[in-house]
Amino acid sequence: MIQEAGLYLQGQLPEHPNHPKGRNPYAHVALALKDKFNTSYKDIEDNRFDEVVDYINYLKENPS
């Protein structure tokens, strides 16, 4: 799902001065998950799957 969201967000993230060649949407999704759940996406508990899916969908709907 992270790869699908990254592909979807390609070219949609706003420009940022720290990323003059463009932002990496795949890293954006992974970092957003890490910030939201306070752990790497690989270490999020399985019982939070639906919450993770909802958040990835939120990121797709609200590129920032």
N, C-alpha and C. Protein backbone atom coordinates (compact mmCIF):
# COMPACT_ATOMS: atom_id res chain seq x y z
N MET A 1 0.81 -1.20 0.00
CA MET A 1 0.00 0.00 0.00
C MET A 1 0.86 1.26 0.00
N ILE A 2 2.01 1.20 0.66
CA ILE A 2 2.90 2.37 0.67
C ILE A 2 3.38 2.66 -0.74
N GLN A 3 3.73 1.63 -1.48
CA GLN A 3 4.19 1.82 -2.85
C GLN A 3 3.08 2.37 -3.72
N GLU A 4 1.88 1.86 -3.55
CA GLU A 4 0.72 2.35 -4.31
C GLU A 4 0.46 3.82 -3.99
N ALA A 5 0.51 4.17 -2.71
CA ALA A 5 0.29 5.56 -2.31
C ALA A 5 1.40 6.46 -2.84
N GLY A 6 2.65 5.99 -2.79
CA GLY A 6 3.77 6.76 -3.32
C GLY A 6 3.62 7.03 -4.80
N LEU A 7 3.22 6.01 -5.54
CA LEU A 7 3.00 6.17 -6.97
C LEU A 7 1.88 7.16 -7.23
N TYR A 8 0.81 7.06 -6.46
CA TYR A 8 -0.32 7.96 -6.61
C TYR A 8 0.08 9.42 -6.32
N LEU A 9 0.94 9.60 -5.32
CA LEU A 9 1.34 10.95 -4.91
C LEU A 9 2.45 11.55 -5.78
N GLN A 10 2.99 10.78 -6.70
CA GLN A 10 4.06 11.26 -7.57
C GLN A 10 3.64 12.56 -8.24
N GLY A 11 4.41 13.62 -8.01
CA GLY A 11 4.14 14.91 -8.61
C GLY A 11 3.07 15.73 -7.94
N GLN A 12 2.48 15.23 -6.85
CA GLN A 12 1.41 15.95 -6.16
C GLN A 12 1.87 16.66 -4.89
N LEU A 13 3.02 16.28 -4.37
CA LEU A 13 3.49 16.90 -3.13
C LEU A 13 3.97 18.32 -3.42
N PRO A 14 3.66 19.26 -2.53
CA PRO A 14 4.11 20.64 -2.76
C PRO A 14 5.63 20.74 -2.73
N GLU A 15 6.14 21.73 -3.44
CA GLU A 15 7.58 21.95 -3.46
C GLU A 15 8.06 22.33 -2.06
N HIS A 16 9.34 22.03 -1.80
CA HIS A 16 9.94 22.36 -0.52
C HIS A 16 11.38 22.76 -0.77
N PRO A 17 11.86 23.82 -0.08
CA PRO A 17 13.23 24.28 -0.34
C PRO A 17 14.31 23.25 -0.01
N ASN A 18 14.03 22.31 0.86
CA ASN A 18 15.01 21.28 1.21
C ASN A 18 15.09 20.17 0.16
N HIS A 19 14.16 20.21 -0.81
CA HIS A 19 14.11 19.18 -1.84
C HIS A 19 14.04 19.83 -3.22
N PRO A 20 15.13 20.44 -3.67
CA PRO A 20 15.09 21.19 -4.93
C PRO A 20 14.82 20.32 -6.16
N LYS A 21 15.10 19.03 -6.09
CA LYS A 21 14.84 18.14 -7.23
C LYS A 21 13.49 17.46 -7.12
N GLY A 22 12.70 17.83 -6.13
CA GLY A 22 11.38 17.23 -5.93
C GLY A 22 11.37 16.31 -4.72
N ARG A 23 10.20 16.13 -4.18
CA ARG A 23 10.05 15.30 -2.99
C ARG A 23 9.80 13.85 -3.38
N ASN A 24 10.27 12.94 -2.52
CA ASN A 24 10.10 11.51 -2.72
C ASN A 24 8.79 11.08 -2.06
N PRO A 25 7.76 10.77 -2.84
CA PRO A 25 6.46 10.44 -2.25
C PRO A 25 6.47 9.14 -1.45
N TYR A 26 7.35 8.21 -1.81
CA TYR A 26 7.43 6.95 -1.07
C TYR A 26 7.99 7.20 0.32
N ALA A 27 9.03 8.00 0.40
CA ALA A 27 9.61 8.36 1.70
C ALA A 27 8.63 9.19 2.50
N HIS A 28 7.87 10.03 1.83
CA HIS A 28 6.88 10.87 2.51
C HIS A 28 5.86 9.99 3.24
N VAL A 29 5.35 8.97 2.57
CA VAL A 29 4.35 8.09 3.18
C VAL A 29 4.97 7.32 4.34
N ALA A 30 6.15 6.76 4.15
CA ALA A 30 6.81 6.00 5.22
C ALA A 30 7.09 6.88 6.43
N LEU A 31 7.57 8.10 6.20
CA LEU A 31 7.86 9.00 7.31
C LEU A 31 6.59 9.45 8.01
N ALA A 32 5.53 9.71 7.25
CA ALA A 32 4.26 10.10 7.85
C ALA A 32 3.72 8.99 8.75
N LEU A 33 3.86 7.74 8.30
CA LEU A 33 3.43 6.61 9.13
C LEU A 33 4.26 6.53 10.40
N LYS A 34 5.56 6.72 10.27
CA LYS A 34 6.45 6.67 11.43
C LYS A 34 6.09 7.77 12.43
N ASP A 35 5.81 8.97 11.93
CA ASP A 35 5.44 10.07 12.82
C ASP A 35 4.10 9.81 13.51
N LYS A 36 3.14 9.28 12.78
CA LYS A 36 1.80 9.04 13.32
C LYS A 36 1.79 7.91 14.35
N PHE A 37 2.50 6.83 14.06
CA PHE A 37 2.43 5.63 14.90
C PHE A 37 3.66 5.46 15.80
N ASN A 38 4.58 6.40 15.75
CA ASN A 38 5.77 6.40 16.60
C ASN A 38 6.62 5.14 16.47
N THR A 39 6.62 4.56 15.29
CA THR A 39 7.45 3.39 15.01
C THR A 39 7.52 3.20 13.49
N SER A 40 8.49 2.45 13.06
CA SER A 40 8.62 2.15 11.63
C SER A 40 7.38 1.41 11.16
N TYR A 41 7.02 1.59 9.89
CA TYR A 41 5.84 0.91 9.37
C TYR A 41 5.97 -0.61 9.52
N LYS A 42 7.19 -1.11 9.53
CA LYS A 42 7.41 -2.56 9.66
C LYS A 42 7.06 -3.05 11.06
N ASP A 43 7.10 -2.16 12.04
CA ASP A 43 6.91 -2.56 13.43
C ASP A 43 5.54 -2.21 13.99
N ILE A 44 4.65 -1.69 13.16
CA ILE A 44 3.29 -1.38 13.62
C ILE A 44 2.56 -2.69 13.89
N GLU A 45 1.87 -2.73 15.00
CA GLU A 45 1.15 -3.95 15.39
C GLU A 45 0.08 -4.32 14.35
N ASP A 46 -0.07 -5.61 14.11
CA ASP A 46 -1.02 -6.10 13.12
C ASP A 46 -2.46 -5.68 13.43
N ASN A 47 -2.78 -5.55 14.70
CA ASN A 47 -4.16 -5.21 15.07
C ASN A 47 -4.50 -3.75 14.72
N ARG A 48 -3.52 -2.99 14.25
CA ARG A 48 -3.76 -1.60 13.84
C ARG A 48 -3.84 -1.47 12.31
N PHE A 49 -3.97 -2.61 11.63
CA PHE A 49 -3.98 -2.62 10.17
C PHE A 49 -5.01 -1.66 9.59
N ASP A 50 -6.25 -1.73 10.06
CA ASP A 50 -7.31 -0.87 9.51
C ASP A 50 -6.99 0.60 9.72
N GLU A 51 -6.40 0.92 10.87
CA GLU A 51 -6.01 2.30 11.16
C GLU A 51 -4.91 2.77 10.20
N VAL A 52 -3.97 1.89 9.90
CA VAL A 52 -2.90 2.22 8.97
C VAL A 52 -3.47 2.45 7.57
N VAL A 53 -4.36 1.58 7.14
CA VAL A 53 -4.98 1.71 5.83
C VAL A 53 -5.73 3.05 5.74
N ASP A 54 -6.49 3.37 6.77
CA ASP A 54 -7.23 4.64 6.79
C ASP A 54 -6.28 5.82 6.69
N TYR A 55 -5.16 5.75 7.38
CA TYR A 55 -4.21 6.86 7.37
C TYR A 55 -3.52 6.99 6.00
N ILE A 56 -3.19 5.88 5.39
CA ILE A 56 -2.59 5.93 4.04
C ILE A 56 -3.60 6.55 3.07
N ASN A 57 -4.85 6.19 3.18
CA ASN A 57 -5.88 6.79 2.33
C ASN A 57 -6.01 8.28 2.60
N TYR A 58 -5.89 8.68 3.85
CA TYR A 58 -5.93 10.09 4.20
C TYR A 58 -4.76 10.83 3.54
N LEU A 59 -3.57 10.23 3.58
CA LEU A 59 -2.40 10.86 2.96
C LEU A 59 -2.61 11.03 1.46
N LYS A 60 -3.22 10.05 0.83
CA LYS A 60 -3.48 10.15 -0.61
C LYS A 60 -4.45 11.27 -0.92
N GLU A 61 -5.44 11.45 -0.06
CA GLU A 61 -6.46 12.47 -0.28
C GLU A 61 -5.98 13.88 0.10
N ASN A 62 -4.94 13.95 0.93
CA ASN A 62 -4.45 15.23 1.44
C ASN A 62 -2.94 15.34 1.28
N PRO A 63 -2.44 15.44 0.05
CA PRO A 63 -0.98 15.55 -0.13
C PRO A 63 -0.48 16.85 0.51
N SER A 64 0.59 16.70 1.29
CA SER A 64 1.14 17.90 1.93
C SER A 64 2.64 17.82 2.00
